[in-house]
Amino acid sequence: MTHPRVGLTPRHVTGALLIAALLAISAPAAASYGPSVISSPRKGLYAPVGVNLGYSGVGRYGGLLLGAEGSLVWYDSSWFGLYGDLLRDFGAGSFRASVGPEVGNQFVGVDGGVVFDTGGDARARVGGRFRGLLTAGSVTFYGGATFFEEESAAEIGLLLKFPMFVEGKPRDWE
């Protein structure tokens, strides 16, 4: 099914995800050249920033998700912190932002938070979001759901986030 205004099909989304996966394969090598970007994590505070590319099935329309995401996390084999994102939902014809906590252990984690959506043709709305995360360096695969009062949407996607080390210690007792 295509969205009448956007014309996206599942084939478009599949192609976009394949391109993102190819870029992700080269991301660890590219990340090792930056002065403040490190490829092997060490204990500390990080500010990963990058691109979110996914697919959302909202109501009658499914569509591409594209936007930016950033986090501020403490990493010590386990990790915890806050994330925020700003996305364009091409299926719903809206923009949305979300913010909330994230936690994980090594390469598996979860996040969730409050979602603010412009509503496309409808009124603006507030909802919630929950995602499971599978991460390896700069590449994270996610699956989850976004919930609004009148509808819910399943989501899958790929995050390409580059972890920049932040100076200072968030815990004084260490």
Protein backbone atom coordinates (compact mmCIF):
# COMPACT_ATOMS: atom_id res chain seq x y z
CA MET A 1 0.00 0.00 0.00
CA THR A 2 1.37 3.43 -0.84
CA HIS A 3 0.61 6.67 0.89
CA PRO A 4 -1.41 8.85 -1.54
CA ARG A 5 0.69 11.99 -0.93
CA VAL A 6 4.14 10.47 -0.60
CA GLY A 7 4.10 7.45 -2.93
CA LEU A 8 6.38 5.28 -0.76
CA THR A 9 6.11 1.52 -1.06
CA PRO A 10 7.69 -1.27 1.01
CA ARG A 11 10.20 -1.64 -1.85
CA HIS A 12 11.39 1.97 -1.27
CA VAL A 13 11.87 1.29 2.44
CA THR A 14 13.68 -2.00 1.80
CA GLY A 15 16.06 -0.25 -0.59
CA ALA A 16 16.73 2.53 1.91
CA LEU A 17 17.43 0.00 4.68
CA LEU A 18 19.85 -1.92 2.43
CA ILE A 19 21.74 1.28 1.61
CA ALA A 20 21.91 2.14 5.31
CA ALA A 21 23.21 -1.35 6.11
CA LEU A 22 25.99 -0.95 3.53
CA LEU A 23 26.93 2.41 5.04
CA ALA A 24 26.89 0.82 8.50
CA ILE A 25 29.43 -1.79 7.45
CA SER A 26 31.92 0.99 6.70
CA ALA A 27 31.03 3.06 9.81
CA PRO A 28 33.51 1.45 12.28
CA ALA A 29 36.45 2.14 9.95
CA ALA A 30 35.35 5.74 9.38
CA ALA A 31 34.76 6.29 13.10
CA SER A 32 38.37 5.41 13.96
CA TYR A 33 39.73 8.47 12.11
CA GLY A 34 38.07 11.23 14.13
CA PRO A 35 40.01 12.88 16.96
CA SER A 36 37.24 12.53 19.58
CA VAL A 37 35.43 9.47 18.21
CA ILE A 38 36.67 6.16 19.60
CA SER A 39 36.02 2.71 18.18
CA SER A 40 36.54 0.58 21.31
CA PRO A 41 34.48 1.85 24.23
CA ARG A 42 36.07 2.49 27.58
CA LYS A 43 34.40 3.43 30.82
CA GLY A 44 33.02 6.94 30.59
CA LEU A 45 30.38 9.40 29.52
CA TYR A 46 29.49 9.42 25.81
CA ALA A 47 27.34 11.56 23.52
CA PRO A 48 26.42 9.34 20.54
CA VAL A 49 24.74 11.25 17.68
CA GLY A 50 23.56 10.09 14.30
CA VAL A 51 20.81 9.10 11.88
CA ASN A 52 17.61 7.09 12.42
CA LEU A 53 16.31 5.20 9.37
CA GLY A 54 13.28 3.01 9.89
CA TYR A 55 9.77 1.96 8.96
CA SER A 56 6.60 2.65 10.93
CA GLY A 57 3.14 1.21 10.42
CA VAL A 58 0.89 4.03 11.66
CA GLY A 59 -2.86 3.44 11.33
CA ARG A 60 -3.76 2.91 7.66
CA TYR A 61 -0.40 4.08 6.34
CA GLY A 62 3.04 2.61 6.77
CA GLY A 63 6.03 4.67 5.86
CA LEU A 64 9.65 5.64 6.10
CA LEU A 65 11.03 7.17 9.31
CA LEU A 66 14.02 9.46 8.81
CA GLY A 67 15.66 11.79 11.28
CA ALA A 68 18.35 12.50 13.83
CA GLU A 69 18.94 10.94 17.23
CA GLY A 70 21.30 11.75 20.07
CA SER A 71 22.03 10.35 23.51
CA LEU A 72 24.00 11.11 26.64
CA VAL A 73 25.02 7.81 28.26
CA TRP A 74 27.35 6.48 30.92
CA TYR A 75 29.10 3.31 29.69
CA ASP A 76 30.81 0.69 31.86
CA SER A 77 29.86 -2.59 30.08
CA SER A 78 26.34 -1.69 31.18
CA TRP A 79 24.99 1.67 30.01
CA PHE A 80 22.29 4.11 31.00
CA GLY A 81 21.30 7.61 30.01
CA LEU A 82 18.86 9.73 28.02
CA TYR A 83 18.00 9.80 24.32
CA GLY A 84 16.21 12.34 22.15
CA ASP A 85 15.18 12.27 18.51
CA LEU A 86 13.47 14.31 15.81
CA LEU A 87 11.90 12.27 12.99
CA ARG A 88 9.89 12.75 9.83
CA ASP A 89 7.21 10.05 9.53
CA PHE A 90 6.53 9.94 5.79
CA GLY A 91 3.67 7.44 6.16
CA ALA A 92 1.66 9.63 8.54
CA GLY A 93 2.86 12.87 6.95
CA SER A 94 4.01 14.24 10.31
CA PHE A 95 7.05 15.25 12.31
CA ARG A 96 7.66 13.85 15.77
CA ALA A 97 10.09 14.15 18.61
CA SER A 98 10.65 11.88 21.58
CA VAL A 99 12.78 11.94 24.70
CA GLY A 100 13.33 9.41 27.48
CA PRO A 101 15.64 7.05 29.35
CA GLU A 102 17.70 4.23 27.87
CA VAL A 103 19.42 1.30 29.61
CA GLY A 104 21.35 -1.74 28.48
CA ASN A 105 24.00 -4.32 29.16
CA GLN A 106 26.79 -4.59 26.57
CA PHE A 107 24.93 -4.96 23.24
CA VAL A 108 21.27 -5.38 24.35
CA GLY A 109 19.11 -2.58 25.69
CA VAL A 110 15.76 -0.81 25.83
CA ASP A 111 14.57 2.76 25.67
CA GLY A 112 11.26 4.51 25.96
CA GLY A 113 9.81 7.91 26.42
CA VAL A 114 7.29 10.60 25.62
CA VAL A 115 6.45 11.24 21.95
CA PHE A 116 5.24 14.58 20.56
CA ASP A 117 3.69 14.26 17.07
CA THR A 118 2.48 17.05 14.76
CA GLY A 119 -0.35 14.77 13.66
CA GLY A 120 -0.03 15.23 9.89
CA ASP A 121 -3.56 16.12 8.74
CA ALA A 122 -4.96 15.70 12.26
CA ARG A 123 -4.31 17.61 15.48
CA ALA A 124 -1.01 17.42 17.34
CA ARG A 125 -0.83 14.62 19.88
CA VAL A 126 1.25 13.20 22.72
CA GLY A 127 1.98 9.51 23.23
CA GLY A 128 4.59 7.03 24.36
CA ARG A 129 7.27 4.85 22.83
CA PHE A 130 9.11 1.64 23.72
CA ARG A 131 11.97 0.02 21.76
CA GLY A 132 14.23 -2.99 22.13
CA LEU A 133 17.81 -2.33 20.98
CA LEU A 134 20.55 -4.58 19.59
CA THR A 135 23.76 -2.57 19.25
CA ALA A 136 27.27 -3.20 17.96
CA GLY A 137 29.49 -0.13 17.97
CA SER A 138 28.00 2.58 15.79
CA VAL A 139 25.16 0.41 14.48
CA THR A 140 21.94 -0.31 16.38
CA PHE A 141 18.93 -2.28 15.17
CA TYR A 142 15.64 -1.56 16.93
CA GLY A 143 12.09 -2.78 17.06
CA GLY A 144 9.25 -1.44 19.12
CA ALA A 145 6.02 0.49 19.20
CA THR A 146 4.67 4.00 19.51
CA PHE A 147 1.36 4.49 21.30
CA PHE A 148 -1.19 7.29 20.95
CA GLU A 149 -4.69 7.45 22.41
CA GLU A 150 -6.37 6.67 19.08
CA GLU A 151 -3.79 4.32 17.49
CA SER A 152 -0.54 2.40 17.87
CA ALA A 153 2.30 1.75 15.44
CA ALA A 154 4.96 -0.93 15.17
CA GLU A 155 8.46 0.25 14.23
CA ILE A 156 11.68 -1.33 12.99
CA GLY A 157 14.84 0.46 12.05
CA LEU A 158 18.52 1.15 12.06
CA LEU A 159 20.44 3.78 14.03
CA LEU A 160 23.87 4.92 12.86
CA LYS A 161 25.23 6.76 15.91
CA PHE A 162 28.83 7.75 16.42
CA PRO A 163 29.93 7.73 20.11
CA MET A 164 31.86 10.86 21.02
CA PHE A 165 33.68 10.64 24.34
CA VAL A 166 32.77 13.42 26.80
CA GLU A 167 35.40 14.59 29.29
CA GLY A 168 34.60 14.45 33.00
CA LYS A 169 33.10 11.83 35.27
CA PRO A 170 29.36 11.70 35.95
CA ARG A 171 29.91 9.82 39.24
CA ASP A 172 31.97 11.60 41.93
CA TRP A 173 32.57 8.46 44.05
CA GLU A 174 34.71 6.69 41.40
